[in-house]
Amino acid sequence: MIQVEEITQPLKIGYERICQCPANHINCLTPKEWIRSQVAIWELSYEKRDIRDKKIHPAVFPIALPAKCIKLFTHEGELVLDPFVGIGTTLLAAQDLNRNAVGFDLKEEYLEVTQSRLSQGRLLNDTKQIAIQDDARNIPQYLKEETVALAVASPPYSRFLDKPRLNKSMRGDLRQNEHYLTIQQYSNDPNDIGNLEPIAFSKALGEIYRGILPLLKTKAHCVINLNDLWWENKRVPTHIYVVEAMMEVGYELRNILIWDRRNLVNRVGIFGWPNNYIKLGTTFEYILDFWKPPHQKTRS
């Protein structure tokens, strides 16, 4: 892990293609792989290397999610950024796919897990994956403009975990497990945007990505994975707030994709029956795909 005080200049990390793809291709996919990727509903699975222990991290997306984004929007050798890297899942996917990558997080213990995971990766690799303990607001200090080919992240959800866990989506006899009534919020750090109310969270997220925008190559994609919040029997449309915030700072929305999580949901309980229909939130999440548009101008 690189500590903040060791950084005296922009990171020395590769960002140019090392593949032989035609210049006008946005990725290294074959036509057959491209066709399979056009489906707007993604079904992803966890693998053995994925960490699902909530004592280590309360909410980790599978390696398959950033891997799919990296395959879609980058070439080998290009640079991937995760502003909220957590325990390093995006960096691991980049290592697998021979992409350079840098990730940022506030929590040292998360980055220690990241380093451990990366150390078990491929020995022969033409790229680097770097984890840095720092606030995402400081990312522009580390990277040169027009070098990032993809930003992909699952940011700390606004107040999503800041309440006692009731396990309502689980069958009644399974609810009182080891996590029942625990609060699994990421941190109490005042800089952690996961501690903000939904609209403030979305605006803070937008400001972080405003700083990232100049670092992106033209037409580079920016992928954000999140879900809506259910709070005090009301739906909070977090994904809509985030879309508005991202467009306000200069991004263009390209695609709204759905992560179909039904293959991961087991032995669910009856949720809302018999008089309050509420969709089972664990069955899907949003994958919001933006890009830095050509001739982009940031709104003041």
Protein backbone atom coordinates (compact mmCIF):
# COMPACT_ATOMS: atom_id res chain seq x y z
CA MET A 1 0.00 0.00 0.00
CA ILE A 2 1.30 3.46 -0.87
CA GLN A 3 0.96 5.96 1.97
CA VAL A 4 0.03 9.57 1.24
CA GLU A 5 3.31 11.02 2.47
CA GLU A 6 5.27 8.94 -0.06
CA ILE A 7 3.58 10.62 -3.03
CA THR A 8 5.50 13.64 -4.30
CA GLN A 9 4.37 13.63 -7.92
CA PRO A 10 1.70 11.98 -10.12
CA LEU A 11 1.81 8.21 -9.88
CA LYS A 12 4.14 6.39 -12.20
CA ILE A 13 1.64 3.96 -13.67
CA GLY A 14 0.91 2.92 -17.23
CA TYR A 15 -2.17 4.04 -19.12
CA GLU A 16 -1.48 3.26 -22.80
CA ARG A 17 -2.74 0.23 -24.72
CA ILE A 18 -0.39 -2.72 -24.97
CA CYS A 19 -2.69 -4.78 -27.20
CA GLN A 20 -2.81 -4.86 -31.01
CA CYS A 21 -6.48 -3.86 -31.38
CA PRO A 22 -7.52 -1.38 -34.10
CA ALA A 23 -7.39 2.23 -32.92
CA ASN A 24 -11.15 2.77 -33.24
CA HIS A 25 -12.09 -0.20 -31.01
CA ILE A 26 -13.16 0.63 -27.44
CA ASN A 27 -12.18 -2.81 -26.11
CA CYS A 28 -10.51 -6.10 -26.96
CA LEU A 29 -13.76 -8.07 -27.35
CA THR A 30 -14.54 -10.27 -30.34
CA PRO A 31 -17.82 -9.71 -32.21
CA LYS A 32 -19.34 -12.76 -30.49
CA GLU A 33 -18.34 -11.47 -27.04
CA TRP A 34 -19.70 -8.02 -27.95
CA ILE A 35 -23.12 -9.45 -28.83
CA ARG A 36 -23.36 -11.27 -25.49
CA SER A 37 -22.51 -8.03 -23.69
CA GLN A 38 -25.35 -6.06 -25.30
CA VAL A 39 -27.94 -7.59 -22.95
CA ALA A 40 -28.94 -4.89 -20.45
CA ILE A 41 -29.61 -7.34 -17.61
CA TRP A 42 -26.45 -8.82 -16.12
CA GLU A 43 -26.42 -12.01 -14.10
CA LEU A 44 -23.20 -12.30 -12.13
CA SER A 45 -21.92 -14.85 -9.66
CA TYR A 46 -19.42 -14.85 -6.83
CA GLU A 47 -16.38 -17.09 -7.11
CA LYS A 48 -14.11 -18.70 -4.52
CA ARG A 49 -11.78 -15.68 -4.42
CA ASP A 50 -14.64 -13.32 -3.60
CA ILE A 51 -14.89 -12.29 0.05
CA ARG A 52 -18.44 -12.30 1.40
CA ASP A 53 -17.68 -12.17 5.10
CA LYS A 54 -19.48 -9.04 6.38
CA LYS A 55 -17.05 -8.85 9.28
CA ILE A 56 -14.34 -7.99 6.75
CA HIS A 57 -16.48 -5.68 4.59
CA PRO A 58 -20.25 -5.13 4.77
CA ALA A 59 -20.93 -4.93 1.02
CA VAL A 60 -18.60 -6.33 -1.64
CA PHE A 61 -19.49 -6.71 -5.30
CA PRO A 62 -18.22 -9.84 -7.09
CA ILE A 63 -15.02 -9.77 -9.12
CA ALA A 64 -17.23 -10.53 -12.12
CA LEU A 65 -18.81 -7.05 -12.04
CA PRO A 66 -15.72 -4.85 -12.46
CA ALA A 67 -14.23 -7.54 -14.73
CA LYS A 68 -17.18 -7.22 -17.12
CA CYS A 69 -16.88 -3.43 -17.11
CA ILE A 70 -13.13 -3.59 -17.69
CA LYS A 71 -13.61 -5.94 -20.65
CA LEU A 72 -16.30 -3.69 -22.12
CA PHE A 73 -14.61 -0.31 -21.78
CA THR A 74 -10.82 -0.78 -21.81
CA HIS A 75 -7.89 -2.36 -23.60
CA GLU A 76 -4.99 -4.24 -22.05
CA GLY A 77 -2.52 -1.83 -20.50
CA GLU A 78 -5.00 1.00 -19.98
CA LEU A 79 -5.71 2.56 -16.60
CA VAL A 80 -8.71 1.76 -14.40
CA LEU A 81 -9.71 3.86 -11.39
CA ASP A 82 -11.83 2.87 -8.38
CA PRO A 83 -12.45 5.89 -6.10
CA PHE A 84 -13.94 3.68 -3.33
CA VAL A 85 -11.89 0.54 -3.68
CA GLY A 86 -12.77 -1.13 -0.38
CA ILE A 87 -11.01 -4.49 -0.19
CA GLY A 88 -9.71 -4.26 -3.73
CA THR A 89 -12.12 -6.21 -5.91
CA THR A 90 -11.66 -3.85 -8.88
CA LEU A 91 -7.87 -4.03 -8.58
CA LEU A 92 -8.05 -7.82 -8.54
CA ALA A 93 -10.16 -7.83 -11.71
CA ALA A 94 -7.69 -5.44 -13.37
CA GLN A 95 -4.79 -7.68 -12.39
CA ASP A 96 -6.55 -10.68 -13.94
CA LEU A 97 -7.15 -8.76 -17.19
CA ASN A 98 -3.71 -7.12 -17.52
CA ARG A 99 -4.90 -3.57 -16.89
CA ASN A 100 -3.21 -0.95 -14.76
CA ALA A 101 -5.37 0.19 -11.87
CA VAL A 102 -5.38 2.48 -8.86
CA GLY A 103 -7.88 2.47 -6.01
CA PHE A 104 -8.50 4.79 -3.06
CA ASP A 105 -10.09 4.19 0.32
CA LEU A 106 -10.17 5.84 3.73
CA LYS A 107 -9.82 2.66 5.80
CA GLU A 108 -6.37 1.19 6.29
CA GLU A 109 -7.73 -2.22 7.28
CA TYR A 110 -9.55 -2.52 3.95
CA LEU A 111 -6.38 -1.75 2.04
CA GLU A 112 -4.44 -4.34 4.04
CA VAL A 113 -6.93 -6.92 2.77
CA THR A 114 -6.48 -5.51 -0.74
CA GLN A 115 -2.72 -5.98 -0.61
CA SER A 116 -3.13 -9.54 0.63
CA ARG A 117 -5.50 -10.37 -2.21
CA LEU A 118 -3.27 -8.81 -4.86
CA SER A 119 -0.21 -10.66 -3.58
CA GLN A 120 -1.91 -13.93 -4.46
CA GLY A 121 -2.37 -12.90 -8.10
CA ARG A 122 -0.40 -13.52 -11.27
CA LEU A 123 3.37 -13.30 -11.00
CA LEU A 124 3.86 -12.48 -14.69
CA ASN A 125 2.01 -9.25 -15.35
CA ASP A 126 2.85 -6.21 -17.48
CA THR A 127 0.72 -3.90 -15.36
CA LYS A 128 0.53 -2.46 -11.84
CA GLN A 129 -2.34 -2.27 -9.37
CA ILE A 130 -1.94 0.28 -6.58
CA ALA A 131 -4.04 0.88 -3.46
CA ILE A 132 -3.80 4.25 -1.73
CA GLN A 133 -5.21 5.31 1.63
CA ASP A 134 -6.68 8.73 0.96
CA ASP A 135 -9.92 10.59 0.48
CA ALA A 136 -11.40 10.27 -3.03
CA ARG A 137 -11.59 14.06 -3.15
CA ASN A 138 -7.79 14.09 -3.45
CA ILE A 139 -7.58 11.79 -6.47
CA PRO A 140 -6.63 14.63 -8.91
CA GLN A 141 -3.34 15.00 -7.02
CA TYR A 142 -2.28 11.51 -8.06
CA LEU A 143 -3.17 11.14 -11.73
CA LYS A 144 -2.48 13.05 -14.92
CA GLU A 145 -5.32 14.44 -17.01
CA GLU A 146 -6.63 12.34 -19.90
CA THR A 147 -5.07 9.08 -18.64
CA VAL A 148 -7.95 7.09 -17.11
CA ALA A 149 -9.84 4.77 -19.47
CA LEU A 150 -12.47 3.62 -16.97
CA ALA A 151 -13.70 4.60 -13.51
CA VAL A 152 -15.73 1.86 -11.83
CA ALA A 153 -16.98 1.74 -8.26
CA SER A 154 -19.63 0.71 -5.80
CA PRO A 155 -19.64 3.79 -3.54
CA PRO A 156 -20.63 3.65 0.14
CA TYR A 157 -24.42 3.79 -0.02
CA SER A 158 -26.09 6.79 1.56
CA ARG A 159 -27.30 5.64 5.02
CA PHE A 160 -27.89 2.21 3.46
CA LEU A 161 -26.15 0.36 6.30
CA ASP A 162 -26.64 2.92 9.06
CA LYS A 163 -29.40 1.10 10.89
CA PRO A 164 -29.79 -2.13 12.85
CA ARG A 165 -29.89 -5.09 10.47
CA LEU A 166 -33.32 -6.76 10.64
CA ASN A 167 -32.76 -9.34 7.85
CA LYS A 168 -36.35 -8.83 6.64
CA SER A 169 -35.58 -10.38 3.26
CA MET A 170 -34.71 -13.66 4.96
CA ARG A 171 -37.09 -16.38 6.05
CA GLY A 172 -38.34 -15.83 9.60
CA ASP A 173 -36.45 -18.70 11.22
CA LEU A 174 -33.18 -17.49 9.65
CA ARG A 175 -33.35 -13.81 10.54
CA GLN A 176 -31.72 -13.91 13.95
CA ASN A 177 -28.23 -14.79 12.72
CA GLU A 178 -24.90 -13.34 13.86
CA HIS A 179 -25.59 -10.05 12.04
CA TYR A 180 -29.12 -9.52 13.43
CA LEU A 181 -29.57 -6.01 14.91
CA THR A 182 -25.95 -5.08 14.17
CA ILE A 183 -25.03 -1.83 12.39
CA GLN A 184 -22.55 -2.53 9.61
CA GLN A 185 -21.78 0.98 8.43
CA TYR A 186 -18.41 1.40 6.69
CA SER A 187 -16.96 3.91 9.14
CA ASN A 188 -17.59 6.89 11.40
CA ASP A 189 -15.13 9.02 9.45
CA PRO A 190 -16.69 12.47 8.80
CA ASN A 191 -15.20 12.34 5.29
CA ASP A 192 -17.06 9.10 4.52
CA ILE A 193 -19.91 10.07 2.20
CA GLY A 194 -21.75 6.92 3.30
CA ASN A 195 -22.70 8.86 6.44
CA LEU A 196 -24.64 11.52 4.52
CA GLU A 197 -28.35 11.77 3.83
CA PRO A 198 -29.35 10.64 0.30
CA ILE A 199 -29.45 13.99 -1.51
CA ALA A 200 -26.31 15.26 0.24
CA PHE A 201 -24.65 11.92 -0.54
CA SER A 202 -25.47 12.25 -4.24
CA LYS A 203 -24.17 15.82 -4.39
CA ALA A 204 -20.96 14.84 -2.59
CA LEU A 205 -20.52 11.94 -4.98
CA GLY A 206 -21.01 14.30 -7.91
CA GLU A 207 -18.34 16.65 -6.58
CA ILE A 208 -15.87 13.77 -6.26
CA TYR A 209 -16.55 12.78 -9.86
CA ARG A 210 -16.26 16.41 -10.96
CA GLY A 211 -12.62 16.20 -9.87
CA ILE A 212 -12.18 12.90 -11.69
CA LEU A 213 -13.66 14.12 -14.97
CA PRO A 214 -10.48 15.85 -16.29
CA LEU A 215 -8.51 12.68 -15.57
CA LEU A 216 -10.68 10.64 -17.95
CA LYS A 217 -9.88 10.21 -21.59
CA THR A 218 -12.53 11.55 -23.96
CA LYS A 219 -15.37 9.02 -24.17
CA ALA A 220 -13.97 7.11 -21.19
CA HIS A 221 -16.72 5.39 -19.26
CA CYS A 222 -17.61 5.81 -15.61
CA VAL A 223 -19.63 3.00 -14.01
CA ILE A 224 -21.39 3.30 -10.64
CA ASN A 225 -23.10 0.34 -8.97
CA LEU A 226 -25.75 1.12 -6.33
CA ASN A 227 -29.29 0.49 -5.23
CA ASP A 228 -32.17 2.58 -3.94
CA LEU A 229 -32.71 3.07 -0.23
CA TRP A 230 -35.77 1.94 1.70
CA TRP A 231 -36.08 4.13 4.78
CA GLU A 232 -38.99 4.48 7.23
CA ASN A 233 -41.38 2.76 4.82
CA LYS A 234 -40.54 5.13 1.97
CA ARG A 235 -38.54 4.58 -1.19
CA VAL A 236 -35.53 6.85 -1.64
CA PRO A 237 -34.61 6.84 -5.38
CA THR A 238 -30.86 7.10 -4.85
CA HIS A 239 -30.04 6.11 -8.43
CA ILE A 240 -32.08 9.04 -9.75
CA TYR A 241 -30.31 11.49 -7.44
CA VAL A 242 -26.94 10.15 -8.57
CA VAL A 243 -27.83 10.42 -12.27
CA GLU A 244 -28.86 14.05 -11.74
CA ALA A 245 -25.68 14.83 -9.80
CA MET A 246 -23.41 13.22 -12.39
CA MET A 247 -25.06 15.03 -15.29
CA GLU A 248 -24.82 18.31 -13.39
CA VAL A 249 -21.02 18.06 -13.21
CA GLY A 250 -20.61 17.18 -16.87
CA TYR A 251 -21.08 13.43 -17.40
CA GLU A 252 -23.45 11.97 -19.98
CA LEU A 253 -25.64 9.00 -19.08
CA ARG A 254 -25.14 6.21 -21.63
CA ASN A 255 -26.82 3.14 -20.17
CA ILE A 256 -28.80 1.97 -17.17
CA LEU A 257 -28.09 -1.70 -16.62
CA ILE A 258 -29.63 -4.08 -14.12
CA TRP A 259 -27.63 -6.53 -12.04
CA ASP A 260 -30.04 -9.45 -11.69
CA ARG A 261 -29.18 -10.95 -8.30
CA ARG A 262 -31.91 -13.60 -8.18
CA ASN A 263 -29.33 -16.36 -8.54
CA LEU A 264 -27.77 -15.14 -5.28
CA VAL A 265 -30.95 -14.93 -3.19
CA ASN A 266 -31.72 -18.05 -1.17
CA ARG A 267 -34.51 -18.94 1.26
CA VAL A 268 -36.16 -15.52 1.28
CA GLY A 269 -38.98 -14.59 3.58
CA ILE A 270 -42.39 -13.11 2.73
CA PHE A 271 -41.63 -9.41 2.38
CA GLY A 272 -44.55 -6.98 2.88
CA TRP A 273 -47.28 -9.63 2.75
CA PRO A 274 -50.25 -9.33 2.91
CA ASN A 275 -50.91 -5.59 2.57
CA ASN A 276 -47.74 -3.73 1.54
CA TYR A 277 -46.21 -4.64 -1.80
CA ILE A 278 -42.50 -3.80 -1.76
CA LYS A 279 -40.07 -5.26 -4.26
CA LEU A 280 -37.39 -7.44 -2.70
CA GLY A 281 -34.38 -5.13 -2.91
CA THR A 282 -31.84 -7.93 -2.71
CA THR A 283 -32.94 -9.26 -6.11
CA PHE A 284 -31.37 -6.50 -8.23
CA GLU A 285 -29.11 -3.45 -8.26
CA TYR A 286 -28.48 -0.61 -10.72
CA ILE A 287 -25.34 -0.29 -12.82
CA LEU A 288 -25.21 3.29 -14.09
CA ASP A 289 -22.94 3.81 -17.09
CA PHE A 290 -21.78 7.36 -17.88
CA TRP A 291 -19.03 8.68 -20.09
CA LYS A 292 -16.99 11.84 -20.57
CA PRO A 293 -18.65 13.26 -23.68
CA PRO A 294 -16.70 14.67 -26.62
CA HIS A 295 -16.09 18.43 -26.21
CA GLN A 296 -17.29 18.09 -22.62
CA LYS A 297 -17.91 21.28 -20.68
CA THR A 298 -18.36 21.14 -16.93
CA ARG A 299 -21.39 23.08 -15.72
CA SER A 300 -20.68 25.76 -13.13
